[in-house]
C-alpha atoms as a PDB file:
ATOM      1  CA  MET A   1     -45.505 -26.538  28.705  1.00  0.00           C
ATOM      2  CA  ARG A   2     -45.756 -25.916  25.032  1.00  0.00           C
ATOM      3  CA  HIS A   3     -45.285 -22.190  25.594  1.00  0.00           C
ATOM      4  CA  ASN A   4     -42.012 -22.850  27.527  1.00  0.00           C
ATOM      5  CA  GLN A   5     -40.621 -24.951  24.679  1.00  0.00           C
ATOM      6  CA  LYS A   6     -41.368 -22.166  22.201  1.00  0.00           C
ATOM      7  CA  MET A   7     -39.684 -19.639  24.484  1.00  0.00           C
ATOM      8  CA  ARG A   8     -36.560 -21.829  24.812  1.00  0.00           C
ATOM      9  CA  LYS A   9     -36.342 -22.276  21.048  1.00  0.00           C
ATOM     10  CA  GLN A  10     -36.679 -18.529  20.592  1.00  0.00           C
ATOM     11  CA  GLU A  11     -33.921 -17.919  23.195  1.00  0.00           C
ATOM     12  CA  ASP A  12     -31.645 -20.470  21.470  1.00  0.00           C
ATOM     13  CA  ARG A  13     -32.131 -18.785  18.101  1.00  0.00           C
ATOM     14  CA  THR A  14     -31.450 -15.358  19.609  1.00  0.00           C
ATOM     15  CA  HIS A  15     -28.381 -16.647  21.459  1.00  0.00           C
ATOM     16  CA  HIS A  16     -26.905 -18.360  18.397  1.00  0.00           C
ATOM     17  CA  SER A  17     -27.667 -15.501  16.060  1.00  0.00           C
ATOM     18  CA  GLY A  18     -26.088 -13.148  18.604  1.00  0.00           C
ATOM     19  CA  GLN A  19     -22.904 -15.242  18.594  1.00  0.00           C
ATOM     20  CA  TYR A  20     -22.873 -15.219  14.820  1.00  0.00           C
ATOM     21  CA  ALA A  21     -23.438 -11.506  14.747  1.00  0.00           C
ATOM     22  CA  LYS A  22     -20.618 -10.936  17.245  1.00  0.00           C
ATOM     23  CA  GLY A  23     -18.167 -13.029  15.198  1.00  0.00           C
ATOM     24  CA  THR A  24     -19.193 -11.255  12.017  1.00  0.00           C
ATOM     25  CA  LYS A  25     -18.991  -7.917  13.759  1.00  0.00           C
ATOM     26  CA  MET A  26     -15.430  -8.660  14.959  1.00  0.00           C
ATOM     27  CA  ALA A  27     -14.344  -9.638  11.433  1.00  0.00           C
ATOM     28  CA  ASP A  28     -16.018  -6.533  10.047  1.00  0.00           C
ATOM     29  CA  GLN A  29     -14.219  -4.389  12.636  1.00  0.00           C
ATOM     30  CA  GLY A  30     -10.843  -5.815  11.552  1.00  0.00           C
ATOM     31  CA  GLN A  31     -11.621  -5.130   7.904  1.00  0.00           C
ATOM     32  CA  CYS A  32     -12.906  -1.692   8.818  1.00  0.00           C
ATOM     33  CA  LYS A  33      -9.693  -0.873  10.724  1.00  0.00           C
ATOM     34  CA  ARG A  34      -7.558  -1.876   7.722  1.00  0.00           C
ATOM     35  CA  ALA A  35      -9.789   0.095   5.360  1.00  0.00           C
ATOM     36  CA  ASN A  36      -9.542   3.122   7.654  1.00  0.00           C
ATOM     37  CA  ALA A  37      -5.754   2.721   7.808  1.00  0.00           C
ATOM     38  CA  ALA A  38      -5.596   2.598   4.002  1.00  0.00           C
ATOM     39  CA  LYS A  39      -7.751   5.732   3.662  1.00  0.00           C
ATOM     40  CA  LYS A  40      -5.717   7.491   6.364  1.00  0.00           C
ATOM     41  CA  LEU A  41      -2.470   6.671   4.524  1.00  0.00           C
ATOM     42  CA  GLN A  42      -3.952   7.938   1.259  1.00  0.00           C
ATOM     43  CA  ARG A  43      -5.029  11.219   2.881  1.00  0.00           C
ATOM     44  CA  TRP A  44      -1.677  11.638   4.643  1.00  0.00           C
ATOM     45  CA  VAL A  45       0.343  11.099   1.461  1.00  0.00           C
ATOM     46  CA  ASN A  46      -1.935  13.399  -0.544  1.00  0.00           C
ATOM     47  CA  LEU A  47      -1.404  16.166   2.026  1.00  0.00           C
ATOM     48  CA  TYR A  48       2.362  15.583   2.308  1.00  0.00           C
ATOM     49  CA  ALA A  49       4.020  18.885   1.304  1.00  0.00           C
ATOM     50  CA  PRO A  50       6.544  17.474  -1.216  1.00  0.00           C
ATOM     51  CA  TYR A  51       3.710  15.663  -3.010  1.00  0.00           C
ATOM     52  CA  LEU A  52       1.499  18.738  -2.984  1.00  0.00           C
ATOM     53  CA  GLY A  53       4.386  20.705  -4.466  1.00  0.00           C
ATOM     54  CA  ALA A  54       4.931  18.161  -7.223  1.00  0.00           C
ATOM     55  CA  ALA A  55       1.167  17.616  -7.845  1.00  0.00           C
ATOM     56  CA  VAL A  56       1.530  13.896  -7.035  1.00  0.00           C
ATOM     57  CA  ARG A  57      -1.769  12.353  -6.010  1.00  0.00           C
ATOM     58  CA  VAL A  58      -2.557   8.900  -4.649  1.00  0.00           C
ATOM     59  CA  THR A  59      -5.783   7.839  -6.334  1.00  0.00           C
ATOM     60  CA  HIS A  60      -6.199   4.409  -4.726  1.00  0.00           C
ATOM     61  CA  VAL A  61      -4.913   2.358  -1.795  1.00  0.00           C
ATOM     62  CA  SER A  62      -6.554  -1.067  -1.476  1.00  0.00           C
ATOM     63  CA  ASP A  63      -7.882  -1.989   1.961  1.00  0.00           C
ATOM     64  CA  ASP A  64      -5.263  -4.767   2.247  1.00  0.00           C
ATOM     65  CA  PHE A  65      -2.415  -2.450   1.070  1.00  0.00           C
ATOM     66  CA  HIS A  66      -1.605  -4.803  -1.816  1.00  0.00           C
ATOM     67  CA  ASN A  67      -2.335  -2.179  -4.505  1.00  0.00           C
ATOM     68  CA  VAL A  68      -1.583   1.531  -4.784  1.00  0.00           C
ATOM     69  CA  GLU A  69      -2.280   3.835  -7.734  1.00  0.00           C
ATOM     70  CA  VAL A  70      -0.536   7.220  -8.129  1.00  0.00           C
ATOM     71  CA  GLU A  71      -0.797   9.943 -10.760  1.00  0.00           C
ATOM     72  CA  MET A  72       0.810  13.273 -11.564  1.00  0.00           C
ATOM     73  CA  PRO A  73      -0.416  15.847 -14.095  1.00  0.00           C
ATOM     74  CA  LEU A  74       2.004  18.175 -15.836  1.00  0.00           C
ATOM     75  CA  ARG A  75       1.832  21.614 -14.203  1.00  0.00           C
ATOM     76  CA  PHE A  76       3.921  24.770 -14.539  1.00  0.00           C
ATOM     77  CA  TYR A  77       5.503  24.022 -11.151  1.00  0.00           C
ATOM     78  CA  ASN A  78       6.582  20.425 -11.901  1.00  0.00           C
ATOM     79  CA  ARG A  79       7.971  21.078 -15.403  1.00  0.00           C
ATOM     80  CA  ASN A  80      11.626  21.015 -16.232  1.00  0.00           C
ATOM     81  CA  TYR A  81      13.494  23.541 -18.395  1.00  0.00           C
ATOM     82  CA  VAL A  82      12.330  21.934 -21.651  1.00  0.00           C
ATOM     83  CA  GLY A  83       8.644  21.769 -20.652  1.00  0.00           C
ATOM     84  CA  THR A  84       8.294  18.074 -19.731  1.00  0.00           C
ATOM     85  CA  HIS A  85       7.921  16.316 -16.387  1.00  0.00           C
ATOM     86  CA  PHE A  86      10.805  17.048 -14.018  1.00  0.00           C
ATOM     87  CA  GLY A  87      12.730  13.812 -13.414  1.00  0.00           C
ATOM     88  CA  GLY A  88      12.851  14.310  -9.655  1.00  0.00           C
ATOM     89  CA  SER A  89       9.066  14.510  -9.538  1.00  0.00           C
ATOM     90  CA  LEU A  90       8.761  11.368 -11.663  1.00  0.00           C
ATOM     91  CA  TYR A  91      10.997   9.533  -9.215  1.00  0.00           C
ATOM     92  CA  SER A  92       9.306  10.972  -6.118  1.00  0.00           C
ATOM     93  CA  MET A  93       5.907   9.681  -7.250  1.00  0.00           C
ATOM     94  CA  CYS A  94       7.350   6.164  -6.891  1.00  0.00           C
ATOM     95  CA  ASP A  95       9.596   6.632  -3.880  1.00  0.00           C
ATOM     96  CA  PRO A  96       7.872   5.449  -0.702  1.00  0.00           C
ATOM     97  CA  PHE A  97       5.084   3.161  -1.809  1.00  0.00           C
ATOM     98  CA  TYR A  98       6.566  -0.327  -1.634  1.00  0.00           C
ATOM     99  CA  MET A  99       8.017   0.540   1.769  1.00  0.00           C
ATOM    100  CA  LEU A 100       4.670   1.910   3.038  1.00  0.00           C
ATOM    101  CA  MET A 101       2.800  -1.092   1.658  1.00  0.00           C
ATOM    102  CA  LEU A 102       5.136  -3.608   3.310  1.00  0.00           C
ATOM    103  CA  ILE A 103       5.156  -1.751   6.638  1.00  0.00           C
ATOM    104  CA  ASN A 104       1.366  -2.015   6.739  1.00  0.00           C
ATOM    105  CA  ILE A 105       1.175  -5.585   5.443  1.00  0.00           C
ATOM    106  CA  LEU A 106       3.971  -7.119   7.545  1.00  0.00           C
ATOM    107  CA  GLY A 107       3.084  -5.228  10.715  1.00  0.00           C
ATOM    108  CA  PRO A 108       5.101  -4.122  13.725  1.00  0.00           C
ATOM    109  CA  ASP A 109       7.237  -7.283  13.951  1.00  0.00           C
ATOM    110  CA  TYR A 110       9.288  -6.194  10.921  1.00  0.00           C
ATOM    111  CA  ILE A 111      11.689  -3.381  10.071  1.00  0.00           C
ATOM    112  CA  VAL A 112      11.211  -2.072   6.526  1.00  0.00           C
ATOM    113  CA  TRP A 113      13.355   0.577   4.822  1.00  0.00           C
ATOM    114  CA  ASP A 114      14.013   1.823   1.325  1.00  0.00           C
ATOM    115  CA  LYS A 115      17.614   0.979   0.521  1.00  0.00           C
ATOM    116  CA  ALA A 116      18.294   1.971  -3.089  1.00  0.00           C
ATOM    117  CA  ALA A 117      16.596   3.091  -6.272  1.00  0.00           C
ATOM    118  CA  ALA A 118      17.308   3.727  -9.936  1.00  0.00           C
ATOM    119  CA  ILE A 119      15.287   5.493 -12.590  1.00  0.00           C
ATOM    120  CA  ARG A 120      15.628   5.203 -16.374  1.00  0.00           C
ATOM    121  CA  PHE A 121      13.879   7.812 -18.491  1.00  0.00           C
ATOM    122  CA  LYS A 122      12.396   6.329 -21.670  1.00  0.00           C
ATOM    123  CA  LYS A 123      10.329   9.136 -23.150  1.00  0.00           C
ATOM    124  CA  PRO A 124       9.490  12.736 -22.195  1.00  0.00           C
ATOM    125  CA  GLY A 125       6.386  12.977 -20.024  1.00  0.00           C
ATOM    126  CA  LYS A 126       4.051  15.643 -21.361  1.00  0.00           C
ATOM    127  CA  GLY A 127       0.707  15.092 -19.642  1.00  0.00           C
ATOM    128  CA  LEU A 128      -0.866  12.989 -16.934  1.00  0.00           C
ATOM    129  CA  VAL A 129       1.392  10.112 -15.863  1.00  0.00           C
ATOM    130  CA  ARG A 130       0.520   7.149 -13.649  1.00  0.00           C
ATOM    131  CA  ALA A 131       2.268   4.430 -11.675  1.00  0.00           C
ATOM    132  CA  SER A 132       0.770   1.248 -10.205  1.00  0.00           C
ATOM    133  CA  PHE A 133       2.228  -0.726  -7.324  1.00  0.00           C
ATOM    134  CA  HIS A 134       1.216  -4.317  -6.587  1.00  0.00           C
ATOM    135  CA  LEU A 135       2.310  -6.891  -4.019  1.00  0.00           C
ATOM    136  CA  SER A 136       1.035 -10.428  -4.542  1.00  0.00           C
ATOM    137  CA  GLU A 137       0.362 -12.881  -1.718  1.00  0.00           C
ATOM    138  CA  GLU A 138       3.223 -15.019  -3.065  1.00  0.00           C
ATOM    139  CA  THR A 139       5.685 -12.105  -2.892  1.00  0.00           C
ATOM    140  CA  ILE A 140       4.643 -11.261   0.661  1.00  0.00           C
ATOM    141  CA  ALA A 141       4.849 -14.912   1.749  1.00  0.00           C
ATOM    142  CA  GLY A 142       8.321 -15.148   0.187  1.00  0.00           C
ATOM    143  CA  ILE A 143       9.531 -12.062   2.054  1.00  0.00           C
ATOM    144  CA  ARG A 144       8.139 -13.381   5.352  1.00  0.00           C
ATOM    145  CA  ALA A 145       9.679 -16.821   4.825  1.00  0.00           C
ATOM    146  CA  ALA A 146      13.079 -15.364   3.923  1.00  0.00           C
ATOM    147  CA  ALA A 147      12.991 -13.017   6.943  1.00  0.00           C
ATOM    148  CA  GLU A 148      12.470 -16.029   9.220  1.00  0.00           C
ATOM    149  CA  VAL A 149      15.777 -17.621   8.205  1.00  0.00           C
ATOM    150  CA  GLN A 150      17.958 -14.746   6.979  1.00  0.00           C
ATOM    151  CA  PRO A 151      19.306 -11.792   8.958  1.00  0.00           C
ATOM    152  CA  LYS A 152      17.890  -9.435   6.308  1.00  0.00           C
ATOM    153  CA  VAL A 153      15.936  -9.623   3.071  1.00  0.00           C
ATOM    154  CA  GLU A 154      16.421  -7.220   0.170  1.00  0.00           C
ATOM    155  CA  PRO A 155      13.454  -7.570  -2.182  1.00  0.00           C
ATOM    156  CA  GLU A 156      13.566  -5.743  -5.506  1.00  0.00           C
ATOM    157  CA  PHE A 157      10.597  -4.171  -7.261  1.00  0.00           C
ATOM    158  CA  HIS A 158      10.105  -2.708 -10.718  1.00  0.00           C
ATOM    159  CA  VAL A 159       7.607   0.076 -11.486  1.00  0.00           C
ATOM    160  CA  LEU A 160       6.615   1.590 -14.820  1.00  0.00           C
ATOM    161  CA  ILE A 161       5.503   5.204 -15.103  1.00  0.00           C
ATOM    162  CA  LYS A 162       3.122   5.479 -18.059  1.00  0.00           C
ATOM    163  CA  ASP A 163       1.250   8.219 -19.837  1.00  0.00           C
ATOM    164  CA  THR A 164      -2.472   8.052 -20.616  1.00  0.00           C
ATOM    165  CA  GLU A 165      -1.800   6.297 -23.938  1.00  0.00           C
ATOM    166  CA  GLY A 166       0.097   3.507 -22.152  1.00  0.00           C
ATOM    167  CA  ASN A 167       3.572   4.603 -23.274  1.00  0.00           C
ATOM    168  CA  THR A 168       6.336   3.991 -20.763  1.00  0.00           C
ATOM    169  CA  ILE A 169       7.803   7.326 -19.644  1.00  0.00           C
ATOM    170  CA  ALA A 170      10.224   5.923 -17.056  1.00  0.00           C
ATOM    171  CA  GLU A 171      11.189   2.708 -15.273  1.00  0.00           C
ATOM    172  CA  VAL A 172      11.968   2.726 -11.567  1.00  0.00           C
ATOM    173  CA  ASP A 173      13.760  -0.047  -9.664  1.00  0.00           C
ATOM    174  CA  LYS A 174      13.443  -0.154  -5.883  1.00  0.00           C
ATOM    175  CA  LEU A 175      15.538  -2.162  -3.440  1.00  0.00           C
ATOM    176  CA  LEU A 176      14.101  -2.523   0.065  1.00  0.00           C
ATOM    177  CA  TYR A 177      15.518  -3.786   3.334  1.00  0.00           C
ATOM    178  CA  VAL A 178      13.311  -6.072   5.454  1.00  0.00           C
ATOM    179  CA  LYS A 179      14.273  -7.611   8.766  1.00  0.00           C
ATOM    180  CA  LYS A 180      12.240  -9.468  11.344  1.00  0.00           C
ATOM    181  CA  LYS A 181      12.616  -7.764  14.710  1.00  0.00           C
ATOM    182  CA  PRO A 182      14.268  -9.774  17.466  1.00  0.00           C
ATOM    183  CA  ALA A 183      11.848 -10.923  20.182  1.00  0.00           C
ATOM    184  CA  SER A 184      13.281  -8.312  22.570  1.00  0.00           C
ATOM    185  CA  GLN A 185      12.232  -5.449  20.229  1.00  0.00           C
ATOM    186  CA  LYS A 186       8.685  -6.632  19.473  1.00  0.00           C
ATOM    187  CA  ARG A 187       5.790  -4.674  20.886  1.00  0.00           C
END
């Protein structure tokens, strides 16, 4: 009798720990999928021909897509006539990231497009330059909430391109278009 009670207790512990492990495993799989998607996006962008040609490199994409870091060294093939960073390359290093971040964060129930952009050059770029992109939970929640009640949302973002000393080389403004898909278009 005593042996049977011990066996039942052992089975209960195994059963409960198995349930816990399964739940943890499922959460880990979701995190792993997002992390893999972030790494896949980073690899894809780094192998994208226009970025290879401009020497633009994505150095970090957070697993939740809330943060992206990009850099571009000065090379003979991305210099302008006067020997500084070509303005088109400076802009291109900032072009798709807020759109790509929101597409991955909002998911397939939303349409996200770049709509407009402006760049202001502040200082000649002569070495390695970097840009950081960040989307806070509050910003994302605001976009989602607005998309629920408005036919379209046009969030604006501001990005600074800086050199290694922290000097601002250029400022980029991005205007995006976000729309929640009608129920008939959802997957």
